[in-house]
N, C-alpha and C. Protein backbone atom coordinates (compact mmCIF):
# COMPACT_ATOMS: atom_id res chain seq x y z
N UNK A 1 157.69 5.48 127.90
CA UNK A 1 156.95 5.23 129.07
C UNK A 1 155.86 4.82 129.77
N UNK A 2 155.43 4.49 130.48
CA UNK A 2 154.00 3.69 131.18
C UNK A 2 153.70 4.28 132.83
N UNK A 3 152.04 4.83 132.65
CA UNK A 3 152.15 5.03 134.21
C UNK A 3 150.85 4.46 134.29
N UNK A 4 150.82 4.26 135.48
CA UNK A 4 149.97 3.04 136.20
C UNK A 4 149.35 3.51 137.25
N UNK A 5 147.91 3.50 137.29
CA UNK A 5 146.91 4.36 138.48
C UNK A 5 146.42 3.46 138.66
N UNK A 6 146.08 2.73 140.19
CA UNK A 6 145.32 1.65 140.84
C UNK A 6 143.91 2.59 141.25
N UNK A 7 143.05 1.98 141.37
CA UNK A 7 142.23 2.08 142.08
C UNK A 7 140.86 1.02 142.56
N UNK A 8 139.97 1.65 143.75
CA UNK A 8 139.09 0.27 143.99
C UNK A 8 139.05 -0.45 145.47
N UNK A 9 140.48 0.41 146.01
CA UNK A 9 140.85 -0.28 147.28
C UNK A 9 139.87 -0.09 148.25
N UNK A 10 139.65 -0.47 149.53
CA UNK A 10 138.74 0.04 150.75
C UNK A 10 138.66 -1.17 151.71
N UNK A 11 137.54 -0.81 152.30
CA UNK A 11 137.76 -1.75 153.84
C UNK A 11 136.50 -2.60 153.46
N UNK A 12 136.72 -4.18 153.58
CA UNK A 12 135.47 -4.66 153.60
C UNK A 12 135.44 -5.90 154.39
N UNK A 13 134.23 -6.87 154.94
CA UNK A 13 134.33 -7.42 155.61
C UNK A 13 135.01 -9.06 155.19
N UNK A 14 135.03 -10.06 155.80
CA UNK A 14 135.76 -10.83 155.42
C UNK A 14 134.67 -12.08 154.47
N UNK A 15 134.79 -12.22 153.45
CA UNK A 15 133.90 -12.99 152.81
C UNK A 15 133.23 -11.96 151.56
N UNK A 16 133.84 -10.78 151.69
CA UNK A 16 132.83 -9.88 150.75
C UNK A 16 134.06 -9.70 149.66
N UNK A 17 133.45 -8.61 148.72
CA UNK A 17 134.40 -8.82 147.45
C UNK A 17 134.61 -7.28 147.10
N UNK A 18 135.71 -7.26 146.26
CA UNK A 18 136.21 -5.80 145.60
C UNK A 18 136.40 -5.98 144.38
N UNK A 19 136.55 -5.05 143.69
CA UNK A 19 137.06 -4.76 142.29
C UNK A 19 137.95 -4.02 142.15
N UNK A 20 139.56 -4.23 141.80
CA UNK A 20 140.48 -3.05 141.43
C UNK A 20 140.72 -2.96 140.25
N UNK A 21 140.95 -1.68 139.99
CA UNK A 21 141.34 -1.47 138.45
C UNK A 21 142.80 -0.57 138.27
N UNK A 22 143.40 -0.95 136.82
CA UNK A 22 144.82 -0.24 137.10
C UNK A 22 144.39 0.09 135.68
N UNK A 23 144.38 1.54 135.64
CA UNK A 23 144.25 2.27 134.57
C UNK A 23 145.98 2.54 133.80
N UNK A 24 146.12 2.55 132.88
CA UNK A 24 147.41 2.70 132.00
C UNK A 24 147.55 3.30 130.80
N UNK A 25 148.61 4.57 131.13
CA UNK A 25 148.58 5.26 129.71
C UNK A 25 150.24 5.28 129.71
N UNK A 26 150.31 5.61 128.11
CA UNK A 26 151.21 5.82 128.15
C UNK A 26 151.54 4.98 126.70
N UNK A 27 152.75 5.08 126.11
CA UNK A 27 153.28 4.51 125.19
C UNK A 27 152.74 3.04 124.81
N UNK A 28 152.17 2.48 123.93
CA UNK A 28 151.56 0.87 123.40
C UNK A 28 151.59 0.35 124.95
N UNK A 29 150.40 0.55 125.70
CA UNK A 29 150.36 0.30 127.20
C UNK A 29 149.90 -0.80 127.10
N UNK A 30 148.74 -0.99 126.28
CA UNK A 30 148.02 -1.79 125.69
C UNK A 30 148.53 -3.06 125.15
N UNK A 31 149.68 -3.01 124.92
CA UNK A 31 150.71 -4.35 124.40
C UNK A 31 151.59 -4.84 125.61
N UNK A 32 151.23 -4.40 126.63
CA UNK A 32 152.21 -5.03 127.63
C UNK A 32 151.43 -6.10 128.81
N UNK A 33 152.18 -7.03 129.04
CA UNK A 33 151.56 -8.04 129.86
C UNK A 33 151.42 -7.23 131.35
N UNK A 34 150.73 -7.56 132.09
CA UNK A 34 150.24 -7.17 133.20
C UNK A 34 150.13 -7.82 134.97
N UNK A 35 150.38 -7.48 135.64
CA UNK A 35 149.78 -8.15 137.02
C UNK A 35 149.79 -7.18 137.75
N UNK A 36 149.56 -8.29 139.20
CA UNK A 36 149.07 -7.55 140.40
C UNK A 36 149.62 -8.39 141.29
N UNK A 37 150.45 -7.59 142.30
CA UNK A 37 151.48 -7.97 143.35
C UNK A 37 150.47 -7.18 144.36
N UNK A 38 150.91 -7.84 145.93
CA UNK A 38 150.91 -7.10 147.11
C UNK A 38 151.67 -7.26 147.97
N UNK A 39 151.49 -6.29 148.85
CA UNK A 39 152.88 -6.23 149.97
C UNK A 39 151.85 -6.04 151.22
N UNK A 40 151.94 -6.76 152.30
CA UNK A 40 151.31 -6.50 153.71
C UNK A 40 152.23 -5.87 154.72
N UNK A 41 151.75 -5.39 155.61
CA UNK A 41 153.01 -4.76 156.52
C UNK A 41 153.79 -5.85 156.93
N UNK A 42 154.94 -5.53 156.98
CA UNK A 42 156.32 -6.40 157.66
C UNK A 42 156.34 -7.28 156.62
N UNK A 43 155.67 -7.47 155.81
CA UNK A 43 156.00 -8.87 154.87
C UNK A 43 156.58 -8.39 153.30
N UNK A 44 156.68 -9.33 152.58
CA UNK A 44 157.64 -8.81 151.46
C UNK A 44 156.43 -8.54 150.24
N UNK A 45 156.87 -8.21 149.27
CA UNK A 45 155.94 -8.16 148.28
C UNK A 45 155.87 -9.70 147.72
N UNK A 46 154.58 -9.76 147.26
CA UNK A 46 154.15 -11.22 146.94
C UNK A 46 153.32 -10.93 145.70
N UNK A 47 153.60 -12.02 144.76
CA UNK A 47 152.88 -11.92 143.50
C UNK A 47 151.55 -12.69 143.71
N UNK A 48 150.11 -11.91 143.21
CA UNK A 48 148.96 -12.44 143.16
C UNK A 48 148.47 -12.63 141.81
N UNK A 49 148.87 -12.38 140.56
CA UNK A 49 148.33 -12.65 139.46
C UNK A 49 148.80 -11.91 138.32
N UNK A 50 148.65 -12.64 136.86
CA UNK A 50 149.28 -11.84 135.79
C UNK A 50 148.40 -12.06 134.58
N UNK A 51 148.62 -11.68 133.66
CA UNK A 51 147.52 -11.62 132.13
C UNK A 51 148.57 -11.00 131.30
N UNK A 52 148.31 -12.18 130.07
CA UNK A 52 148.91 -11.68 128.81
C UNK A 52 148.38 -10.47 128.30
N UNK A 53 148.99 -9.71 127.29
CA UNK A 53 148.71 -8.44 126.81
C UNK A 53 147.31 -8.85 125.77
N UNK A 54 147.10 -10.22 125.71
CA UNK A 54 145.74 -10.37 124.78
C UNK A 54 144.89 -10.92 125.72
N UNK A 55 144.78 -11.28 127.00
CA UNK A 55 144.03 -11.48 127.85
C UNK A 55 143.80 -13.13 127.47
N UNK A 56 144.71 -13.79 126.84
CA UNK A 56 144.59 -15.23 126.20
C UNK A 56 145.17 -15.82 127.61
N UNK A 57 145.99 -15.61 128.45
CA UNK A 57 146.70 -16.31 129.26
C UNK A 57 146.44 -15.53 130.88
N UNK A 58 146.29 -16.54 131.71
CA UNK A 58 146.59 -15.94 133.15
C UNK A 58 147.19 -16.81 133.71
N UNK A 59 147.60 -16.27 135.18
CA UNK A 59 148.30 -17.05 135.90
C UNK A 59 148.08 -16.84 137.53
N UNK A 60 148.07 -17.56 138.51
CA UNK A 60 147.49 -16.91 139.52
C UNK A 60 148.09 -17.67 140.78
N UNK A 61 148.91 -16.76 141.62
CA UNK A 61 149.41 -17.50 143.11
C UNK A 61 148.42 -18.70 143.39
N UNK A 62 148.79 -19.61 144.15
CA UNK A 62 147.88 -20.79 144.90
C UNK A 62 146.95 -19.97 145.85
N UNK A 63 147.57 -19.26 146.74
CA UNK A 63 146.63 -18.72 147.57
C UNK A 63 145.25 -17.57 147.09
N UNK A 64 145.45 -17.24 145.89
CA UNK A 64 144.21 -16.96 145.70
C UNK A 64 143.16 -17.41 144.43
N UNK A 65 143.83 -18.80 144.39
CA UNK A 65 143.37 -19.61 142.96
C UNK A 65 141.72 -19.78 143.38
N UNK A 66 140.90 -19.61 142.57
CA UNK A 66 139.74 -19.83 142.76
C UNK A 66 139.00 -18.42 143.38
N UNK A 67 139.67 -17.89 143.86
CA UNK A 67 138.86 -16.41 144.63
C UNK A 67 139.19 -15.00 143.96
N UNK A 68 140.27 -15.25 142.90
CA UNK A 68 140.50 -14.03 142.64
C UNK A 68 140.78 -14.00 140.89
N UNK A 69 140.10 -12.72 140.27
CA UNK A 69 140.08 -13.19 138.77
C UNK A 69 140.62 -11.97 137.83
N UNK A 70 141.59 -11.72 137.25
CA UNK A 70 142.19 -10.67 136.70
C UNK A 70 141.47 -10.79 135.41
N UNK A 71 141.50 -9.67 134.66
CA UNK A 71 140.69 -9.28 133.04
C UNK A 71 141.28 -8.08 132.67
N UNK A 72 141.36 -7.86 131.45
CA UNK A 72 141.74 -6.69 131.02
C UNK A 72 140.91 -6.33 129.87
N UNK A 73 140.59 -4.71 129.58
CA UNK A 73 139.95 -4.17 128.93
C UNK A 73 140.89 -3.48 127.61
N UNK A 74 141.17 -3.76 126.98
CA UNK A 74 142.55 -2.85 126.01
C UNK A 74 142.43 -1.99 125.28
N UNK A 75 140.96 -1.83 125.14
CA UNK A 75 140.09 -0.50 124.64
C UNK A 75 140.20 0.50 125.72
N UNK A 76 140.14 0.03 126.95
CA UNK A 76 139.92 0.99 128.12
C UNK A 76 141.40 1.30 128.73
N UNK A 77 142.33 0.46 128.46
CA UNK A 77 143.54 0.50 128.84
C UNK A 77 143.74 0.51 130.04
N UNK A 78 143.07 -0.45 130.37
CA UNK A 78 142.59 -1.22 132.08
C UNK A 78 142.61 -2.35 132.38
N UNK A 79 143.29 -2.89 133.46
CA UNK A 79 143.09 -4.14 133.90
C UNK A 79 142.57 -4.37 135.31
N UNK A 80 141.83 -5.09 135.34
CA UNK A 80 140.71 -5.54 136.89
C UNK A 80 141.28 -6.61 137.52
N UNK A 81 140.95 -6.43 138.74
CA UNK A 81 141.35 -7.75 139.74
C UNK A 81 140.05 -7.83 140.77
N UNK A 82 139.38 -8.58 140.45
CA UNK A 82 138.15 -9.18 140.75
C UNK A 82 138.53 -10.12 141.86
N UNK A 83 138.22 -9.54 143.69
CA UNK A 83 138.56 -10.25 144.66
C UNK A 83 136.93 -10.95 145.39
N UNK A 84 137.09 -12.16 145.11
CA UNK A 84 136.17 -12.95 145.97
C UNK A 84 136.41 -13.61 147.44
N UNK A 85 135.19 -13.55 147.92
CA UNK A 85 135.59 -14.45 149.70
C UNK A 85 137.08 -14.08 150.02
N UNK A 86 136.80 -12.59 149.86
CA UNK A 86 138.40 -12.28 150.92
C UNK A 86 138.34 -12.48 151.98
N UNK A 87 139.49 -12.52 152.79
CA UNK A 87 139.86 -13.10 153.93
C UNK A 87 140.79 -11.91 154.95
N UNK A 88 141.03 -11.75 155.51
CA UNK A 88 141.89 -10.98 156.32
C UNK A 88 143.55 -11.20 156.17
N UNK A 89 143.66 -12.13 155.77
CA UNK A 89 145.01 -12.42 155.29
C UNK A 89 145.13 -11.70 154.22
N UNK A 90 144.07 -11.21 153.39
CA UNK A 90 144.40 -10.70 151.84
C UNK A 90 144.34 -9.12 152.36
N UNK A 91 144.59 -8.78 153.13
CA UNK A 91 144.66 -7.25 153.59
C UNK A 91 146.30 -7.09 153.37
N UNK A 92 146.23 -5.82 152.47
CA UNK A 92 147.56 -5.45 151.95
C UNK A 92 147.54 -4.25 150.94
N UNK A 93 148.53 -3.74 150.47
CA UNK A 93 148.38 -2.85 149.35
C UNK A 93 148.29 -3.57 148.41
N UNK A 94 147.97 -3.26 147.57
CA UNK A 94 148.20 -4.08 145.92
C UNK A 94 148.32 -2.87 144.82
N UNK A 95 149.46 -3.88 144.25
CA UNK A 95 150.30 -2.73 142.93
C UNK A 95 150.01 -3.73 141.83
N UNK A 96 149.68 -2.93 140.49
CA UNK A 96 149.55 -3.07 139.51
C UNK A 96 150.86 -3.12 138.84
N UNK A 97 151.70 -4.03 137.89
CA UNK A 97 152.57 -3.74 137.02
C UNK A 97 152.37 -4.06 136.11
N UNK A 98 153.39 -3.41 135.00
CA UNK A 98 153.51 -3.86 133.59
C UNK A 98 154.89 -4.45 133.08
N UNK A 99 154.65 -5.18 132.52
CA UNK A 99 155.80 -6.05 131.72
C UNK A 99 155.90 -5.73 130.45
N UNK A 100 157.23 -5.28 129.75
CA UNK A 100 157.12 -4.72 128.29
C UNK A 100 157.40 -5.88 127.37
N UNK A 101 157.46 -7.10 127.94
CA UNK A 101 157.31 -8.28 126.74
C UNK A 101 155.94 -8.88 126.99
N UNK A 102 155.14 -8.52 125.89
CA UNK A 102 153.57 -9.05 126.21
C UNK A 102 153.36 -10.39 126.43
N UNK A 103 154.20 -11.17 126.12
CA UNK A 103 153.84 -12.63 126.14
C UNK A 103 154.46 -13.01 127.57
N UNK A 104 155.15 -12.42 128.12
CA UNK A 104 155.86 -13.04 129.48
C UNK A 104 154.68 -13.09 130.46
N UNK A 105 154.73 -14.41 131.31
CA UNK A 105 153.83 -14.30 132.08
C UNK A 105 154.68 -14.54 133.86
N UNK A 106 155.37 -13.92 134.52
CA UNK A 106 155.99 -14.37 135.32
C UNK A 106 155.66 -13.34 136.72
N UNK A 107 155.92 -14.46 137.83
CA UNK A 107 155.73 -13.73 139.21
C UNK A 107 156.70 -12.82 139.93
N UNK A 108 157.93 -12.85 139.18
CA UNK A 108 158.98 -12.03 139.71
C UNK A 108 158.74 -10.46 139.64
N UNK A 109 158.57 -9.87 140.50
CA UNK A 109 158.74 -8.59 140.76
C UNK A 109 159.64 -7.98 139.79
N UNK A 110 160.66 -7.94 139.75
CA UNK A 110 162.20 -7.82 139.22
C UNK A 110 161.97 -7.36 137.75
N UNK A 111 161.32 -8.46 137.42
CA UNK A 111 160.68 -8.53 135.93
C UNK A 111 159.93 -7.61 134.93
N UNK A 112 159.22 -6.64 136.30
CA UNK A 112 158.32 -5.86 135.55
C UNK A 112 159.06 -4.16 135.42
N UNK A 113 158.32 -3.99 134.51
CA UNK A 113 159.41 -2.45 133.89
C UNK A 113 158.18 -1.06 134.92
N UNK A 114 157.18 -1.18 135.09
CA UNK A 114 156.44 -0.19 135.44
C UNK A 114 155.61 -0.66 136.67
N UNK A 115 155.15 0.05 137.71
CA UNK A 115 154.27 -0.02 138.96
C UNK A 115 153.42 0.90 139.31
N UNK A 116 152.32 0.98 139.53
CA UNK A 116 151.81 1.83 139.87
C UNK A 116 151.68 2.28 141.39
N UNK A 117 151.36 3.18 142.11
CA UNK A 117 151.24 3.79 143.53
C UNK A 117 150.56 2.85 144.32
N UNK A 118 149.62 2.17 144.08
CA UNK A 118 149.02 1.15 145.17
C UNK A 118 147.97 1.72 145.35
N UNK A 119 147.20 0.64 145.99
CA UNK A 119 145.91 0.95 146.31
C UNK A 119 145.80 0.02 147.80
N UNK A 120 145.12 0.80 148.97
CA UNK A 120 144.87 -0.32 149.98
C UNK A 120 143.66 -1.43 150.10
N UNK A 121 143.93 -2.81 150.56
CA UNK A 121 142.46 -3.33 150.69
C UNK A 121 142.72 -4.00 151.94
N UNK A 122 141.75 -3.62 152.83
CA UNK A 122 141.76 -4.22 154.39
C UNK A 122 140.43 -4.86 154.45
N UNK A 123 140.35 -6.17 155.08
CA UNK A 123 139.61 -7.29 155.37
C UNK A 123 139.81 -7.25 156.73
N UNK A 124 138.33 -6.77 157.35
CA UNK A 124 138.36 -7.32 158.81
C UNK A 124 137.30 -8.14 158.78
N UNK A 125 137.93 -9.09 159.97
CA UNK A 125 137.01 -10.35 160.54
C UNK A 125 135.94 -10.15 161.07
């Protein structure tokens, strides 16, 4: 079992920045591929970005490419999402997810084995 806890969400003005963290605990959590998804009110869950277990490969949704950056510190069992140039349409609950295949980089939510409880990000215009 892997437990994931997100933090760092909040209210920010458009153009601002936030950094989300996802702390993982449990069996061999540092060997999992990790991802961030988001879900806005009334919308389906949306893929944001993913990172391989080593951090050597990353993958972004077109909507966040160039603005968001994913990274990980396996010594701390933590994955980060740096969000710059935030827009009101980035408002959502952000979830981190873990994939037991450490080489997998997939945007499909159903491929992920573990999920956090989410952290709210609100961007005001």
